[in-house]
Amino acid sequence: MEDRKKILLITSWVSVGGNVLLSLLKISIGILSGSLAVLSDGMDSASDVITSIVLLIATPIISRPPSSKYAYGHEKAENVASTILSFVIFFMGCQMFITSINKLIHPELVQMPAVIAIWVTVASIVGKLVLSLYQFQQGKRAQSSMLKANAINMRNDVVISGGVLLGLACTFILKIPILDPIVALVISIYIAYSAIGIFREANVVLMDGLSDTSIYNRIIEAAESVPGAHNPHRIRSHRTGNMYTIVLDIEVDGALPLSEAHRIAQKVEDSIKESVGNVYDIVVHVEPMGYTHNEEKYGVSKNNL
C-alpha cells in the first residue's frame, strides 16, 4: 500500500509540473500567434493540470485504512476521482466546441496564425508523449485506473497536438486560415468522446461491475479443481481499487463433518486466490449437495455466463 501511494504521489506531481509548463506555453503562444487550435490544445493541457490536482487530492484518501463506515476501505475514491476527471475533460471539450463553432460562423474573425505555433506544437507532442508513456507505465505498476485514465487523456493530447500540427501545416501551405478553427472543432469532439469513455470505465467499478467478466470462468475453474467442491454458483465479484472481493456458493457432501466442509471451503479460497490474484477477500458459502433454494437474481454460474 505504501509503495502504491508513493507511485501515485510522484506520478501526480510529475504530471502537474509537466502540464503546467506545456499549458502555459501553448496558451501564451496560441494567443500571440492567433491560432485557435493551439489555444484549444493549451486549454486541454490546462484541464490536465486540474485532473492532476484531483489525483493528488484523491491519493491520501485512497490510502486511509478501513473504518466502521467504510469497511472495505477508501480505494473507490480512485474511481470517484476518475469520474470527476471525465466531467472536467468533457467540459473543456464542450467549451472548445462552442468557441470553434463561433469562429466558423464568423470567418471574418479568423486570421492566419504565426509560424511559431508550429514549433510549440512539435514541443507539445514530444512532451505529452513522454508524460503519457510515464503515466501509463506507473498506472500498470500501481494497477491504478486513475493513473491509466490520466495516461489515456495525455495520449489523446498527443493525437490532438498531431492534428493541430497537421492543420497548421495545411493552413500555411494552402493559405486557408479557416482550417485552424476546423481542426479545433475536430479536437473538441475527440476530447468529449474520450471523456465519455473514462466515465463509463470508472462507473463500471462504482456500480460494482467488472470490465473483464472472464474472471468468473477462472473462479469456476479454480473452485471445481478442489476435490469435494461441486457446483460453484451465485458468484459475485467487484473491485475495490485494484483488489477483487469475491463471494460464491459451493456444494459438498452433506454427510461430511463441519471441519471437513470448512477445509474444502478453505481450499477453494486458496485456489481462487492463486488463479485470480489481487484478491482482497473471499467468502465461500457451503451447501449440502442437491440443496434447493429460492431462485435469486444475483450472482453468476455456468448457466448464465
Protein backbone atom coordinates (compact mmCIF):
# COMPACT_ATOMS: atom_id res chain seq x y z
CA MET A 1 0.00 0.00 0.00
CA GLU A 2 2.81 2.43 0.87
CA ASP A 3 4.61 1.68 -2.41
CA ARG A 4 1.36 2.25 -4.33
CA LYS A 5 0.76 5.54 -2.52
CA LYS A 6 4.30 6.66 -3.33
CA ILE A 7 3.85 5.83 -7.02
CA LEU A 8 0.56 7.75 -7.17
CA LEU A 9 2.02 10.82 -5.47
CA ILE A 10 5.23 11.01 -7.50
CA THR A 11 3.43 10.39 -10.79
CA SER A 12 0.80 13.02 -9.99
CA TRP A 13 3.43 15.65 -9.17
CA VAL A 14 5.32 14.88 -12.40
CA SER A 15 2.02 15.26 -14.26
CA VAL A 16 1.28 18.61 -12.60
CA GLY A 17 4.73 20.04 -13.38
CA GLY A 18 4.77 18.86 -16.99
CA ASN A 19 1.26 20.02 -17.77
CA VAL A 20 1.68 23.44 -16.13
CA LEU A 21 4.72 24.06 -18.32
CA LEU A 22 3.04 22.86 -21.53
CA SER A 23 -0.29 24.60 -20.89
CA LEU A 24 1.34 27.99 -20.19
CA LEU A 25 3.50 27.62 -23.28
CA LYS A 26 0.63 26.70 -25.61
CA ILE A 27 -1.89 29.20 -24.24
CA SER A 28 0.57 32.10 -24.48
CA ILE A 29 1.76 31.11 -27.97
CA GLY A 30 -1.83 30.41 -29.06
CA ILE A 31 -2.83 33.96 -28.08
CA LEU A 32 0.29 35.57 -29.57
CA SER A 33 0.15 33.59 -32.82
CA GLY A 34 -3.61 33.91 -33.25
CA SER A 35 -4.09 30.12 -33.55
CA LEU A 36 -7.35 28.84 -32.07
CA ALA A 37 -6.18 25.24 -32.49
CA VAL A 38 -3.02 25.86 -30.42
CA LEU A 39 -5.02 27.82 -27.83
CA SER A 40 -7.53 24.94 -27.61
CA ASP A 41 -4.66 22.50 -27.21
CA GLY A 42 -3.32 24.68 -24.39
CA MET A 43 -6.71 24.75 -22.67
CA ASP A 44 -6.78 20.96 -22.85
CA SER A 45 -3.37 20.86 -21.15
CA ALA A 46 -4.73 23.25 -18.51
CA SER A 47 -7.51 20.74 -17.85
CA ASP A 48 -4.77 18.14 -17.32
CA VAL A 49 -3.35 20.33 -14.56
CA ILE A 50 -6.77 20.27 -12.88
CA THR A 51 -7.04 16.49 -13.27
CA SER A 52 -3.56 16.00 -11.81
CA ILE A 53 -4.55 18.11 -8.79
CA VAL A 54 -7.62 15.88 -8.38
CA LEU A 55 -5.26 12.87 -8.36
CA LEU A 56 -3.17 14.47 -5.62
CA ILE A 57 -6.28 15.10 -3.51
CA ALA A 58 -7.57 11.55 -4.03
CA THR A 59 -4.30 9.74 -3.25
CA PRO A 60 -4.26 10.30 0.57
CA ILE A 61 -7.98 9.42 0.72
CA ILE A 62 -7.34 6.12 -1.08
CA SER A 63 -4.60 5.25 1.41
CA ARG A 64 -6.80 5.58 4.50
CA PRO A 65 -7.41 2.31 6.39
CA PRO A 66 -10.88 0.72 6.59
CA SER A 67 -13.30 2.09 9.18
CA SER A 68 -16.71 1.18 10.59
CA LYS A 69 -18.28 3.47 7.99
CA TYR A 70 -16.12 2.23 5.10
CA ALA A 71 -15.45 -1.39 5.97
CA TYR A 72 -13.98 -2.09 2.51
CA GLY A 73 -11.59 0.85 2.79
CA HIS A 74 -11.46 4.02 0.71
CA GLU A 75 -9.99 2.66 -2.53
CA LYS A 76 -13.07 3.53 -4.58
CA ALA A 77 -12.18 7.19 -4.12
CA GLU A 78 -9.90 6.47 -7.06
CA ASN A 79 -12.89 5.72 -9.29
CA VAL A 80 -14.75 8.75 -7.95
CA ALA A 81 -11.70 10.81 -8.96
CA SER A 82 -11.73 9.23 -12.43
CA THR A 83 -15.40 10.22 -12.77
CA ILE A 84 -14.56 13.81 -11.81
CA LEU A 85 -11.76 13.78 -14.38
CA SER A 86 -14.19 12.72 -17.08
CA PHE A 87 -16.51 15.66 -16.31
CA VAL A 88 -13.60 18.14 -16.37
CA ILE A 89 -12.36 16.78 -19.70
CA PHE A 90 -15.88 16.76 -21.18
CA PHE A 91 -16.47 20.36 -20.08
CA MET A 92 -13.23 21.54 -21.70
CA GLY A 93 -14.18 19.73 -24.90
CA CYS A 94 -17.60 21.44 -24.94
CA GLN A 95 -16.04 24.87 -24.36
CA MET A 96 -13.65 24.33 -27.25
CA PHE A 97 -16.52 23.11 -29.43
CA ILE A 98 -18.55 26.28 -28.79
CA THR A 99 -15.56 28.54 -29.47
CA SER A 100 -14.74 26.72 -32.71
CA ILE A 101 -18.35 26.89 -33.95
CA ASN A 102 -18.39 30.63 -33.23
CA LYS A 103 -15.25 31.13 -35.35
CA LEU A 104 -16.75 29.11 -38.21
CA ILE A 105 -19.97 31.13 -38.08
CA HIS A 106 -17.93 34.34 -38.20
CA PRO A 107 -15.00 33.51 -40.54
CA GLU A 108 -14.08 37.18 -40.84
CA LEU A 109 -12.66 36.92 -37.29
CA VAL A 110 -10.19 34.21 -38.33
CA GLN A 111 -6.60 35.30 -39.03
CA MET A 112 -3.57 33.47 -40.39
CA PRO A 113 -1.60 32.14 -37.38
CA ALA A 114 2.11 32.84 -36.89
CA VAL A 115 4.78 30.23 -37.71
CA ILE A 116 5.80 29.91 -34.04
CA ALA A 117 2.56 27.97 -33.49
CA ILE A 118 4.09 25.05 -35.40
CA TRP A 119 7.20 24.87 -33.22
CA VAL A 120 5.31 24.97 -29.92
CA THR A 121 3.04 22.19 -31.21
CA VAL A 122 6.05 19.99 -32.02
CA ALA A 123 7.37 20.58 -28.49
CA SER A 124 3.93 19.71 -27.10
CA ILE A 125 3.83 16.39 -28.98
CA VAL A 126 7.20 15.33 -27.60
CA GLY A 127 6.38 16.43 -24.03
CA LYS A 128 2.93 14.84 -23.97
CA LEU A 129 4.21 11.57 -25.42
CA VAL A 130 6.80 11.28 -22.65
CA LEU A 131 4.22 12.12 -19.95
CA SER A 132 1.66 9.68 -21.38
CA LEU A 133 4.08 6.75 -21.52
CA TYR A 134 5.30 7.51 -17.99
CA GLN A 135 1.75 7.75 -16.58
CA PHE A 136 0.65 4.52 -18.24
CA GLN A 137 3.73 2.61 -17.05
CA GLN A 138 3.21 3.84 -13.49
CA GLY A 139 -0.53 3.08 -13.72
CA LYS A 140 0.26 -0.53 -14.63
CA ARG A 141 2.76 -0.78 -11.75
CA ALA A 142 0.20 0.51 -9.24
CA GLN A 143 -2.77 -1.10 -11.04
CA SER A 144 -4.44 2.30 -10.84
CA SER A 145 -7.45 3.13 -13.03
CA MET A 146 -6.93 6.75 -12.04
CA LEU A 147 -3.40 6.93 -13.48
CA LYS A 148 -4.42 4.93 -16.54
CA ALA A 149 -7.31 7.34 -17.16
CA ASN A 150 -4.90 10.25 -16.96
CA ALA A 151 -2.49 8.44 -19.30
CA ILE A 152 -5.31 7.94 -21.81
CA ASN A 153 -6.09 11.64 -21.56
CA MET A 154 -2.44 12.51 -22.25
CA ARG A 155 -2.32 10.02 -25.13
CA ASN A 156 -5.32 11.85 -26.55
CA ASP A 157 -3.30 15.05 -26.19
CA VAL A 158 -0.58 13.59 -28.41
CA VAL A 159 -3.20 12.84 -31.07
CA ILE A 160 -4.70 16.29 -30.57
CA SER A 161 -1.36 18.05 -30.95
CA GLY A 162 -0.65 15.92 -34.02
CA GLY A 163 -3.94 17.11 -35.51
CA VAL A 164 -3.05 20.70 -34.65
CA LEU A 165 0.33 20.30 -36.36
CA LEU A 166 -1.29 18.84 -39.48
CA GLY A 167 -3.89 21.60 -39.53
CA LEU A 168 -1.26 24.31 -39.15
CA ALA A 169 0.83 22.80 -41.92
CA CYS A 170 -2.16 22.72 -44.27
CA THR A 171 -3.10 26.27 -43.23
CA PHE A 172 0.33 27.63 -44.18
CA ILE A 173 0.66 25.56 -47.35
CA LEU A 174 -2.85 26.28 -48.66
CA LYS A 175 -3.11 29.78 -47.15
CA ILE A 176 -6.59 28.98 -45.78
CA PRO A 177 -6.86 30.27 -42.17
CA ILE A 178 -10.35 28.78 -41.68
CA LEU A 179 -8.67 25.35 -41.39
CA ASP A 180 -7.44 26.37 -37.93
CA PRO A 181 -10.91 26.50 -36.24
CA ILE A 182 -11.94 23.39 -38.19
CA VAL A 183 -9.05 21.49 -36.59
CA ALA A 184 -10.04 22.93 -33.19
CA LEU A 185 -13.61 21.69 -33.75
CA VAL A 186 -12.44 18.14 -34.51
CA ILE A 187 -10.21 18.21 -31.44
CA SER A 188 -13.11 19.28 -29.20
CA ILE A 189 -15.27 16.36 -30.39
CA TYR A 190 -12.42 13.91 -29.80
CA ILE A 191 -11.85 15.21 -26.26
CA ALA A 192 -15.54 14.92 -25.36
CA TYR A 193 -15.64 11.36 -26.72
CA SER A 194 -12.59 10.30 -24.68
CA ALA A 195 -14.21 11.80 -21.56
CA ILE A 196 -17.28 9.62 -22.07
CA GLY A 197 -15.03 6.54 -22.28
CA ILE A 198 -13.30 7.39 -18.98
CA PHE A 199 -16.68 8.00 -17.34
CA ARG A 200 -18.05 4.63 -18.46
CA GLU A 201 -14.99 2.71 -17.25
CA ALA A 202 -14.98 4.40 -13.83
CA ASN A 203 -18.68 3.80 -13.31
CA VAL A 204 -18.41 0.08 -14.00
CA VAL A 205 -16.40 -0.15 -10.78
CA LEU A 206 -18.64 2.28 -8.87
CA MET A 207 -21.65 0.12 -9.80
CA ASP A 208 -19.82 -3.00 -8.55
CA GLY A 209 -19.40 -4.35 -12.06
CA LEU A 210 -16.42 -5.88 -13.84
CA SER A 211 -15.00 -4.81 -17.18
CA ASP A 212 -13.30 -8.21 -17.54
CA THR A 213 -16.01 -10.80 -16.88
CA SER A 214 -13.63 -13.65 -17.77
CA ILE A 215 -12.72 -13.64 -14.08
CA TYR A 216 -15.88 -15.70 -13.44
CA ASN A 217 -14.57 -18.51 -15.64
CA ARG A 218 -11.34 -18.53 -13.63
CA ILE A 219 -13.27 -18.61 -10.35
CA ILE A 220 -15.39 -21.55 -11.50
CA GLU A 221 -12.37 -23.50 -12.79
CA ALA A 222 -10.44 -22.81 -9.58
CA ALA A 223 -13.34 -23.96 -7.39
CA GLU A 224 -14.01 -27.12 -9.40
CA SER A 225 -10.33 -28.08 -9.24
CA VAL A 226 -10.69 -28.69 -5.48
CA PRO A 227 -11.69 -32.31 -4.66
CA GLY A 228 -15.03 -32.39 -2.85
CA ALA A 229 -16.18 -28.96 -4.09
CA HIS A 230 -19.08 -29.03 -6.54
CA ASN A 231 -21.36 -26.68 -8.47
CA PRO A 232 -19.90 -23.22 -7.74
CA HIS A 233 -22.79 -20.79 -8.22
CA ARG A 234 -24.22 -17.42 -7.16
CA ILE A 235 -20.74 -15.98 -7.76
CA ARG A 236 -20.39 -12.23 -7.22
CA SER A 237 -17.30 -10.13 -7.58
CA HIS A 238 -16.43 -6.44 -7.56
CA ARG A 239 -13.28 -4.39 -7.39
CA THR A 240 -12.13 -2.21 -4.54
CA GLY A 241 -9.27 -0.18 -6.01
CA ASN A 242 -7.08 -2.79 -7.70
CA MET A 243 -8.32 -5.68 -5.50
CA TYR A 244 -11.16 -8.17 -6.02
CA THR A 245 -13.82 -9.11 -3.46
CA ILE A 246 -15.42 -12.47 -4.31
CA VAL A 247 -18.47 -14.24 -2.89
CA LEU A 248 -19.68 -17.66 -4.04
CA ASP A 249 -21.64 -20.76 -3.02
CA ILE A 250 -20.35 -24.32 -3.39
CA GLU A 251 -21.90 -27.72 -2.69
CA VAL A 252 -20.26 -30.51 -0.69
CA ASP A 253 -21.31 -33.93 0.55
CA GLY A 254 -23.96 -33.27 3.21
CA ALA A 255 -22.68 -36.17 5.34
CA LEU A 256 -19.26 -34.59 5.84
CA PRO A 257 -18.38 -33.22 9.28
CA LEU A 258 -18.23 -29.45 9.64
CA SER A 259 -14.45 -29.44 9.94
CA GLU A 260 -14.07 -31.26 6.59
CA ALA A 261 -16.55 -28.93 4.84
CA HIS A 262 -14.59 -25.99 6.21
CA ARG A 263 -11.32 -27.48 4.95
CA ILE A 264 -12.79 -27.80 1.43
CA ALA A 265 -14.04 -24.20 1.54
CA GLN A 266 -10.57 -23.05 2.60
CA LYS A 267 -9.01 -24.97 -0.28
CA VAL A 268 -11.45 -23.25 -2.66
CA GLU A 269 -10.37 -19.85 -1.29
CA ASP A 270 -6.69 -20.70 -1.76
CA SER A 271 -7.28 -21.99 -5.28
CA ILE A 272 -9.17 -18.84 -6.32
CA LYS A 273 -6.51 -16.55 -4.83
CA GLU A 274 -3.84 -18.40 -6.79
CA SER A 275 -5.84 -18.27 -10.03
CA VAL A 276 -7.23 -14.73 -9.91
CA GLY A 277 -4.61 -12.78 -7.95
CA ASN A 278 -5.13 -9.37 -6.29
CA VAL A 279 -7.88 -10.76 -4.05
CA TYR A 280 -8.95 -8.55 -1.16
CA ASP A 281 -11.44 -11.01 0.36
CA ILE A 282 -13.29 -14.24 -0.46
CA VAL A 283 -16.47 -15.53 1.17
CA VAL A 284 -17.40 -19.17 0.42
CA HIS A 285 -20.86 -20.33 1.47
CA VAL A 286 -21.13 -24.13 1.80
CA GLU A 287 -24.34 -26.02 0.96
CA PRO A 288 -25.16 -29.76 1.00
CA MET A 289 -25.22 -31.32 -2.45
CA GLY A 290 -28.62 -31.17 -4.10
CA TYR A 291 -29.80 -28.36 -1.85
CA THR A 292 -32.57 -26.34 -3.47
CA HIS A 293 -33.23 -22.73 -2.59
CA ASN A 294 -35.39 -19.94 -3.90
CA GLU A 295 -34.34 -18.52 -7.23
CA GLU A 296 -32.23 -15.39 -6.81
CA LYS A 297 -31.42 -12.83 -9.46
CA TYR A 298 -27.93 -12.12 -8.11
CA GLY A 299 -24.74 -13.93 -8.97
CA VAL A 300 -23.15 -15.83 -11.85
CA SER A 301 -22.92 -19.56 -12.58
CA LYS A 302 -22.05 -21.72 -15.56
CA ASN A 303 -25.63 -21.46 -16.78
CA ASN A 304 -25.69 -17.68 -17.17
CA LEU A 305 -22.13 -16.86 -18.20
